[in-house]
Every structure is written in C-alpha cells, then in structure tokens.
C-alpha cells in the first residue's frame, strides 16, 4: 500500500510505499503530468491520469518513476527496477492511495509485441548487426546491436524509450536462461558481443520472445 499526502497546495504528493523495492519500504514523491514521457504502454486506451516523480529507499538513491492510471483505478508504475501493476488507485482530498505489487512485472502489451517484431526486422541480416555494442545508440546509426535494435524499435512503436519495459525484460529473461553459466556484466550487450553468438541466435531470441508474448496474451484472454 502506498499513501501519499499533498504538499505545496497539491502541486505534489509524497509519502511511503510498503515493501516496494526488494522488500524495503520506499519514499515516493510524485506530481501530476499531462502525458507519459517514456512511450505508450498500449494503444487500446488512454490513461485517465499520469504522474511522474521519484522513489528512494535507504539503499537506493532517488530514481525516476512514472505512473499511469486507467479506467477501473488500475495502472502501472514504471521504475528502473521494472514495471509493476497498480490497483485500487484513489485520490481523496489531500491524499493519494494505491496498491502496487512489486513481486510481479506487468505483462507485455500489443505494443511490446510490435517492438520485438520490429527489432527482428532491424537485425535480419549480418550487415545490419553491430557486433561491438557499448549500449550507446546514435539516431543516425546504420548498424544495430540487440540492445540498440530494441531501443530503436521501441521508439518507433511506442514513441519513446524505457529501459525496463516488458518487451526488453522478456528478451533479457531469455538471454539469462541461455547464458546462466557465463559471467556477463550486461546481459544484452555481452550476449550481443559474445563471439559464439550467431545471427541465427539473435533471430531465435526474438522468435522466442514473440512466442512468450503471444502465450501471455492468450492466457489473459482465457481469463
């Protein structure tokens, strides 16, 4: 449960969220915004309210968050630790309350599926593949790493980029499974730069991500 109180004539709200980050209580500060800055989550609905601010614990310094709330008082909190579902959001007088579940990340949307499809097309040939990734993705690039293909595809599909959106988290999860015995510091970069990685591995990475996204969508449709 998060409980925030208004400050500065309701220009912002701050308070605490219980067990938000690695089981630790967090201090949250937010203010209302007009739109999400880090790209659309889905196309089927627009959020009823949008908030931006920071979250901090005794162990982690303040990091950026965004919150989007949809019909039914449900939504998403976007953090550098992942995207987490929000339920029972309410604003009454000077108090904002909501529940957030940090134990599970938000399921991918149709936009996430489109991102992976686009990334697969971007990296469909050896000549398009940058084998020396440094996680810097210039807008005028002619070749792309796995990470930069995902970044470009995200900007193309969602309008902006967030490092932890569901599409990227699924790709990271698959790389983790494939390389659990390898001492990687940065999963996507190191997997991309690994001499043993082939273009067929990259394409199968995207194919597996798409399969998991479709499976998640089917489970949601089946209730």
C-alpha atoms as a PDB file:
ATOM      1  CA  UNK A   1       0.000   0.000   0.000  1.00  0.00           C
ATOM      2  CA  UNK A   2       1.192   3.496  -0.869  1.00  0.00           C
ATOM      3  CA  UNK A   3      -0.139   6.527   0.988  1.00  0.00           C
ATOM      4  CA  UNK A   4       0.893   9.996  -0.193  1.00  0.00           C
ATOM      5  CA  UNK A   5      -0.104  13.415   1.157  1.00  0.00           C
ATOM      6  CA  UNK A   6      -0.392  16.671  -0.765  1.00  0.00           C
ATOM      7  CA  UNK A   7       2.241  19.366  -0.331  1.00  0.00           C
ATOM      8  CA  UNK A   8       2.636  22.848  -1.788  1.00  0.00           C
ATOM      9  CA  UNK A   9      -1.087  23.375  -2.406  1.00  0.00           C
ATOM     10  CA  UNK A  10      -1.417  19.999  -4.141  1.00  0.00           C
ATOM     11  CA  UNK A  11       1.402  20.694  -6.591  1.00  0.00           C
ATOM     12  CA  UNK A  12       2.956  17.415  -5.456  1.00  0.00           C
ATOM     13  CA  UNK A  13       2.366  14.436  -3.171  1.00  0.00           C
ATOM     14  CA  UNK A  14       4.821  12.489  -1.061  1.00  0.00           C
ATOM     15  CA  UNK A  15       4.710   9.568   1.331  1.00  0.00           C
ATOM     16  CA  UNK A  16       5.641   5.915   1.602  1.00  0.00           C
ATOM     17  CA  UNK A  17       5.045   2.612  -0.155  1.00  0.00           C
ATOM     18  CA  UNK A  18       5.410  -0.519   1.944  1.00  0.00           C
ATOM     19  CA  UNK A  19       7.875  -3.178   0.738  1.00  0.00           C
ATOM     20  CA  UNK A  20       8.167  -1.637  -2.702  1.00  0.00           C
ATOM     21  CA  UNK A  21      11.805  -2.359  -3.606  1.00  0.00           C
ATOM     22  CA  UNK A  22      13.366  -5.689  -2.614  1.00  0.00           C
ATOM     23  CA  UNK A  23      11.034  -5.933   0.356  1.00  0.00           C
ATOM     24  CA  UNK A  24      12.024  -2.497   1.640  1.00  0.00           C
ATOM     25  CA  UNK A  25       9.724   0.443   2.299  1.00  0.00           C
ATOM     26  CA  UNK A  26      10.248   3.328  -0.118  1.00  0.00           C
ATOM     27  CA  UNK A  27       9.706   7.069  -0.079  1.00  0.00           C
ATOM     28  CA  UNK A  28       7.753   8.295  -3.098  1.00  0.00           C
ATOM     29  CA  UNK A  29       7.270  11.820  -4.422  1.00  0.00           C
ATOM     30  CA  UNK A  30       5.008  12.465  -7.419  1.00  0.00           C
ATOM     31  CA  UNK A  31       3.299  15.281  -9.290  1.00  0.00           C
ATOM     32  CA  UNK A  32       0.626  15.266 -11.978  1.00  0.00           C
ATOM     33  CA  UNK A  33       1.733  15.255 -15.627  1.00  0.00           C
ATOM     34  CA  UNK A  34      -0.052  15.651 -18.944  1.00  0.00           C
ATOM     35  CA  UNK A  35       1.376  12.539 -20.586  1.00  0.00           C
ATOM     36  CA  UNK A  36       3.756   9.642 -20.145  1.00  0.00           C
ATOM     37  CA  UNK A  37       7.266  10.611 -21.284  1.00  0.00           C
ATOM     38  CA  UNK A  38       8.710   7.133 -21.877  1.00  0.00           C
ATOM     39  CA  UNK A  39       6.444   5.735 -24.564  1.00  0.00           C
ATOM     40  CA  UNK A  40       2.963   4.272 -24.892  1.00  0.00           C
ATOM     41  CA  UNK A  41       2.199   1.112 -22.946  1.00  0.00           C
ATOM     42  CA  UNK A  42      -0.824   0.181 -25.072  1.00  0.00           C
ATOM     43  CA  UNK A  43      -2.988   1.622 -27.826  1.00  0.00           C
ATOM     44  CA  UNK A  44      -6.410   0.447 -26.683  1.00  0.00           C
ATOM     45  CA  UNK A  45      -6.909   3.124 -24.015  1.00  0.00           C
ATOM     46  CA  UNK A  46      -5.506   6.418 -22.822  1.00  0.00           C
ATOM     47  CA  UNK A  47      -4.663   6.881 -19.131  1.00  0.00           C
ATOM     48  CA  UNK A  48      -7.117   8.874 -17.028  1.00  0.00           C
ATOM     49  CA  UNK A  49      -4.252  10.359 -15.030  1.00  0.00           C
ATOM     50  CA  UNK A  50      -0.477  10.455 -15.302  1.00  0.00           C
ATOM     51  CA  UNK A  51       2.081  11.103 -12.577  1.00  0.00           C
ATOM     52  CA  UNK A  52       5.862  11.437 -12.512  1.00  0.00           C
ATOM     53  CA  UNK A  53       8.369  11.686  -9.706  1.00  0.00           C
ATOM     54  CA  UNK A  54      10.929   9.691  -7.760  1.00  0.00           C
ATOM     55  CA  UNK A  55      11.260   6.681  -5.488  1.00  0.00           C
ATOM     56  CA  UNK A  56      14.000   6.126  -2.903  1.00  0.00           C
ATOM     57  CA  UNK A  57      14.982   3.716  -0.134  1.00  0.00           C
ATOM     58  CA  UNK A  58      17.761   3.668   2.423  1.00  0.00           C
ATOM     59  CA  UNK A  59      19.823   1.596  -0.014  1.00  0.00           C
ATOM     60  CA  UNK A  60      18.873   3.144  -3.356  1.00  0.00           C
ATOM     61  CA  UNK A  61      19.040   6.877  -4.166  1.00  0.00           C
ATOM     62  CA  UNK A  62      16.143   8.670  -5.769  1.00  0.00           C
ATOM     63  CA  UNK A  63      15.291   7.248  -9.174  1.00  0.00           C
ATOM     64  CA  UNK A  64      12.641   8.298 -11.654  1.00  0.00           C
ATOM     65  CA  UNK A  65       9.164   6.769 -11.780  1.00  0.00           C
ATOM     66  CA  UNK A  66       6.065   7.292 -13.880  1.00  0.00           C
ATOM     67  CA  UNK A  67       2.539   6.205 -13.012  1.00  0.00           C
ATOM     68  CA  UNK A  68      -0.386   5.817 -15.407  1.00  0.00           C
ATOM     69  CA  UNK A  69      -3.916   5.116 -14.199  1.00  0.00           C
ATOM     70  CA  UNK A  70      -6.707   3.762 -16.397  1.00  0.00           C
ATOM     71  CA  UNK A  71     -10.428   3.162 -16.041  1.00  0.00           C
ATOM     72  CA  UNK A  72     -11.079   0.918 -13.070  1.00  0.00           C
ATOM     73  CA  UNK A  73      -8.440   2.547 -10.845  1.00  0.00           C
ATOM     74  CA  UNK A  74      -5.740   0.255 -12.221  1.00  0.00           C
ATOM     75  CA  UNK A  75      -2.475   1.085 -13.900  1.00  0.00           C
ATOM     76  CA  UNK A  76       1.298   0.772 -13.976  1.00  0.00           C
ATOM     77  CA  UNK A  77       4.251   2.138 -12.041  1.00  0.00           C
ATOM     78  CA  UNK A  78       7.314   2.398 -14.286  1.00  0.00           C
ATOM     79  CA  UNK A  79      10.613   2.188 -12.395  1.00  0.00           C
ATOM     80  CA  UNK A  80      14.244   1.374 -13.118  1.00  0.00           C
ATOM     81  CA  UNK A  81      13.591  -1.926 -11.335  1.00  0.00           C
ATOM     82  CA  UNK A  82      10.709  -2.925 -13.631  1.00  0.00           C
ATOM     83  CA  UNK A  83       7.102  -2.049 -14.450  1.00  0.00           C
ATOM     84  CA  UNK A  84       4.710  -3.072 -11.677  1.00  0.00           C
ATOM     85  CA  UNK A  85       0.902  -3.281 -11.627  1.00  0.00           C
ATOM     86  CA  UNK A  86      -1.134  -0.767  -9.634  1.00  0.00           C
ATOM     87  CA  UNK A  87      -4.619  -1.430  -8.268  1.00  0.00           C
ATOM     88  CA  UNK A  88      -7.147   0.494  -6.183  1.00  0.00           C
ATOM     89  CA  UNK A  89      -5.786   3.936  -7.031  1.00  0.00           C
ATOM     90  CA  UNK A  90      -7.718   6.758  -5.347  1.00  0.00           C
ATOM     91  CA  UNK A  91      -7.321  10.461  -4.753  1.00  0.00           C
ATOM     92  CA  UNK A  92      -9.442  11.883  -1.936  1.00  0.00           C
ATOM     93  CA  UNK A  93      -8.839  15.416  -0.784  1.00  0.00           C
ATOM     94  CA  UNK A  94      -5.158  15.751   0.045  1.00  0.00           C
ATOM     95  CA  UNK A  95      -4.429  12.009  -0.031  1.00  0.00           C
ATOM     96  CA  UNK A  96      -3.451   9.630  -2.826  1.00  0.00           C
ATOM     97  CA  UNK A  97      -3.563   5.892  -2.123  1.00  0.00           C
ATOM     98  CA  UNK A  98      -2.851   2.871  -4.264  1.00  0.00           C
ATOM     99  CA  UNK A  99      -1.613  -0.706  -4.108  1.00  0.00           C
ATOM    100  CA  UNK A 100       1.415  -1.784  -6.127  1.00  0.00           C
ATOM    101  CA  UNK A 101       2.663  -5.350  -6.486  1.00  0.00           C
ATOM    102  CA  UNK A 102       6.488  -5.419  -6.803  1.00  0.00           C
ATOM    103  CA  UNK A 103       6.541  -9.225  -6.846  1.00  0.00           C
ATOM    104  CA  UNK A 104       5.423  -9.415 -10.472  1.00  0.00           C
ATOM    105  CA  UNK A 105       6.083  -7.300 -13.516  1.00  0.00           C
ATOM    106  CA  UNK A 106       3.452  -6.033 -15.931  1.00  0.00           C
ATOM    107  CA  UNK A 107       2.578  -8.388 -18.789  1.00  0.00           C
ATOM    108  CA  UNK A 108       3.580  -7.332 -22.311  1.00  0.00           C
ATOM    109  CA  UNK A 109       1.078  -5.488 -24.460  1.00  0.00           C
ATOM    110  CA  UNK A 110       0.437  -5.468 -28.186  1.00  0.00           C
ATOM    111  CA  UNK A 111       2.922  -2.602 -28.405  1.00  0.00           C
ATOM    112  CA  UNK A 112       5.575  -4.853 -26.852  1.00  0.00           C
ATOM    113  CA  UNK A 113       4.841  -7.491 -29.477  1.00  0.00           C
ATOM    114  CA  UNK A 114       5.259  -4.872 -32.191  1.00  0.00           C
ATOM    115  CA  UNK A 115       8.577  -3.779 -30.662  1.00  0.00           C
ATOM    116  CA  UNK A 116      10.026  -7.291 -30.825  1.00  0.00           C
ATOM    117  CA  UNK A 117       8.725  -7.765 -34.373  1.00  0.00           C
ATOM    118  CA  UNK A 118      10.390  -4.514 -35.442  1.00  0.00           C
ATOM    119  CA  UNK A 119      13.657  -5.409 -33.707  1.00  0.00           C
ATOM    120  CA  UNK A 120      13.672  -8.756 -35.511  1.00  0.00           C
ATOM    121  CA  UNK A 121      13.323  -6.995 -38.848  1.00  0.00           C
ATOM    122  CA  UNK A 122      16.055  -4.473 -37.956  1.00  0.00           C
ATOM    123  CA  UNK A 123      18.505  -7.287 -37.177  1.00  0.00           C
ATOM    124  CA  UNK A 124      17.579  -9.611 -40.003  1.00  0.00           C
ATOM    125  CA  UNK A 125      20.947  -9.505 -41.792  1.00  0.00           C
ATOM    126  CA  UNK A 126      24.590  -9.791 -40.786  1.00  0.00           C
ATOM    127  CA  UNK A 127      25.336  -6.449 -42.474  1.00  0.00           C
ATOM    128  CA  UNK A 128      22.875  -4.703 -40.114  1.00  0.00           C
ATOM    129  CA  UNK A 129      24.387  -6.196 -36.983  1.00  0.00           C
ATOM    130  CA  UNK A 130      26.761  -4.210 -34.762  1.00  0.00           C
ATOM    131  CA  UNK A 131      28.911  -6.845 -33.024  1.00  0.00           C
ATOM    132  CA  UNK A 132      30.635  -4.272 -30.764  1.00  0.00           C
ATOM    133  CA  UNK A 133      27.840  -2.931 -28.605  1.00  0.00           C
ATOM    134  CA  UNK A 134      28.525  -0.259 -25.966  1.00  0.00           C
ATOM    135  CA  UNK A 135      24.836   0.463 -25.230  1.00  0.00           C
ATOM    136  CA  UNK A 136      25.118   3.816 -26.983  1.00  0.00           C
ATOM    137  CA  UNK A 137      22.563   4.071 -29.776  1.00  0.00           C
ATOM    138  CA  UNK A 138      23.010   7.099 -32.069  1.00  0.00           C
ATOM    139  CA  UNK A 139      19.915   8.062 -34.023  1.00  0.00           C
ATOM    140  CA  UNK A 140      21.844   8.029 -37.323  1.00  0.00           C
ATOM    141  CA  UNK A 141      23.248   4.515 -36.838  1.00  0.00           C
ATOM    142  CA  UNK A 142      23.456   2.209 -39.847  1.00  0.00           C
ATOM    143  CA  UNK A 143      24.054  -0.952 -37.797  1.00  0.00           C
ATOM    144  CA  UNK A 144      22.474  -2.060 -34.538  1.00  0.00           C
ATOM    145  CA  UNK A 145      23.215  -4.316 -31.606  1.00  0.00           C
ATOM    146  CA  UNK A 146      20.448  -6.322 -29.920  1.00  0.00           C
ATOM    147  CA  UNK A 147      20.033  -3.567 -27.338  1.00  0.00           C
ATOM    148  CA  UNK A 148      20.023  -0.759 -29.900  1.00  0.00           C
ATOM    149  CA  UNK A 149      17.637  -2.638 -32.190  1.00  0.00           C
ATOM    150  CA  UNK A 150      15.262  -2.916 -29.224  1.00  0.00           C
ATOM    151  CA  UNK A 151      15.721   0.761 -28.404  1.00  0.00           C
ATOM    152  CA  UNK A 152      15.067   1.864 -31.998  1.00  0.00           C
ATOM    153  CA  UNK A 153      12.076  -0.460 -32.291  1.00  0.00           C
ATOM    154  CA  UNK A 154      10.672   0.880 -29.021  1.00  0.00           C
ATOM    155  CA  UNK A 155      10.973   4.489 -30.129  1.00  0.00           C
ATOM    156  CA  UNK A 156       9.405   3.637 -33.498  1.00  0.00           C
ATOM    157  CA  UNK A 157       6.500   1.717 -31.970  1.00  0.00           C
ATOM    158  CA  UNK A 158       5.899   3.465 -28.650  1.00  0.00           C
ATOM    159  CA  UNK A 159       7.174   6.979 -29.327  1.00  0.00           C
ATOM    160  CA  UNK A 160       9.868   6.936 -26.618  1.00  0.00           C
ATOM    161  CA  UNK A 161      12.117   4.524 -24.758  1.00  0.00           C
ATOM    162  CA  UNK A 162      12.088   2.967 -21.293  1.00  0.00           C
ATOM    163  CA  UNK A 163      14.921   0.635 -20.308  1.00  0.00           C
ATOM    164  CA  UNK A 164      12.640  -1.734 -18.358  1.00  0.00           C
ATOM    165  CA  UNK A 165       9.506  -2.022 -20.449  1.00  0.00           C
ATOM    166  CA  UNK A 166       8.086  -5.579 -20.764  1.00  0.00           C
ATOM    167  CA  UNK A 167       9.479  -6.242 -24.255  1.00  0.00           C
ATOM    168  CA  UNK A 168      13.043  -5.695 -23.075  1.00  0.00           C
ATOM    169  CA  UNK A 169      12.506  -7.635 -19.857  1.00  0.00           C
ATOM    170  CA  UNK A 170      11.332 -10.704 -21.778  1.00  0.00           C
ATOM    171  CA  UNK A 171      14.362 -10.570 -24.073  1.00  0.00           C
ATOM    172  CA  UNK A 172      16.655 -10.222 -21.037  1.00  0.00           C
ATOM    173  CA  UNK A 173      14.973 -13.180 -19.359  1.00  0.00           C
ATOM    174  CA  UNK A 174      15.627 -15.408 -22.379  1.00  0.00           C
ATOM    175  CA  UNK A 175      19.271 -14.292 -22.559  1.00  0.00           C
ATOM    176  CA  UNK A 176      19.605 -15.089 -18.836  1.00  0.00           C
ATOM    177  CA  UNK A 177      18.288 -18.592 -19.441  1.00  0.00           C
ATOM    178  CA  UNK A 178      20.622 -19.171 -22.386  1.00  0.00           C
ATOM    179  CA  UNK A 179      23.743 -17.843 -20.670  1.00  0.00           C
ATOM    180  CA  UNK A 180      23.300 -18.697 -16.981  1.00  0.00           C
ATOM    181  CA  UNK A 181      26.827 -20.152 -16.804  1.00  0.00           C
ATOM    182  CA  UNK A 182      28.507 -17.165 -18.465  1.00  0.00           C
ATOM    183  CA  UNK A 183      29.856 -14.261 -16.352  1.00  0.00           C
ATOM    184  CA  UNK A 184      28.091 -11.432 -18.164  1.00  0.00           C
ATOM    185  CA  UNK A 185      28.005  -7.943 -16.617  1.00  0.00           C
ATOM    186  CA  UNK A 186      25.435  -6.551 -19.065  1.00  0.00           C
ATOM    187  CA  UNK A 187      23.202  -9.248 -20.482  1.00  0.00           C
ATOM    188  CA  UNK A 188      22.166  -7.858 -23.852  1.00  0.00           C
ATOM    189  CA  UNK A 189      25.482  -6.172 -24.591  1.00  0.00           C
ATOM    190  CA  UNK A 190      27.635  -9.140 -23.606  1.00  0.00           C
ATOM    191  CA  UNK A 191      25.418 -11.668 -25.385  1.00  0.00           C
ATOM    192  CA  UNK A 192      25.497  -9.473 -28.490  1.00  0.00           C
ATOM    193  CA  UNK A 193      29.308  -9.172 -28.366  1.00  0.00           C
ATOM    194  CA  UNK A 194      29.997 -12.801 -27.479  1.00  0.00           C
ATOM    195  CA  UNK A 195      31.930 -14.364 -30.407  1.00  0.00           C
ATOM    196  CA  UNK A 196      29.835 -17.527 -30.045  1.00  0.00           C
ATOM    197  CA  UNK A 197      26.564 -15.669 -30.710  1.00  0.00           C
ATOM    198  CA  UNK A 198      25.334 -16.044 -34.293  1.00  0.00           C
ATOM    199  CA  UNK A 199      22.660 -14.162 -36.219  1.00  0.00           C
ATOM    200  CA  UNK A 200      20.519 -17.285 -36.001  1.00  0.00           C
ATOM    201  CA  UNK A 201      20.744 -16.989 -32.195  1.00  0.00           C
ATOM    202  CA  UNK A 202      19.608 -13.384 -32.366  1.00  0.00           C
ATOM    203  CA  UNK A 203      16.663 -14.250 -34.589  1.00  0.00           C
ATOM    204  CA  UNK A 204      15.669 -17.180 -32.371  1.00  0.00           C
ATOM    205  CA  UNK A 205      15.897 -14.835 -29.364  1.00  0.00           C
ATOM    206  CA  UNK A 206      13.282 -12.588 -30.917  1.00  0.00           C
ATOM    207  CA  UNK A 207      11.175 -15.562 -32.048  1.00  0.00           C
ATOM    208  CA  UNK A 208      11.105 -16.969 -28.525  1.00  0.00           C
ATOM    209  CA  UNK A 209      10.205 -13.557 -27.095  1.00  0.00           C
ATOM    210  CA  UNK A 210       7.297 -13.310 -29.525  1.00  0.00           C
ATOM    211  CA  UNK A 211       6.134 -16.802 -28.600  1.00  0.00           C
ATOM    212  CA  UNK A 212       6.096 -15.868 -24.914  1.00  0.00           C
ATOM    213  CA  UNK A 213       4.255 -12.626 -25.594  1.00  0.00           C
ATOM    214  CA  UNK A 214       1.579 -14.475 -27.573  1.00  0.00           C
ATOM    215  CA  UNK A 215       1.269 -17.096 -24.820  1.00  0.00           C
ATOM    216  CA  UNK A 216       0.835 -14.382 -22.196  1.00  0.00           C
ATOM    217  CA  UNK A 217      -1.814 -12.677 -24.321  1.00  0.00           C
ATOM    218  CA  UNK A 218      -3.675 -15.955 -24.790  1.00  0.00           C
ATOM    219  CA  UNK A 219      -3.644 -16.689 -21.057  1.00  0.00           C
ATOM    220  CA  UNK A 220      -5.047 -13.227 -20.380  1.00  0.00           C
ATOM    221  CA  UNK A 221      -7.769 -13.736 -22.987  1.00  0.00           C
ATOM    222  CA  UNK A 222      -8.669 -17.098 -21.461  1.00  0.00           C
ATOM    223  CA  UNK A 223      -9.024 -15.481 -18.053  1.00  0.00           C
END
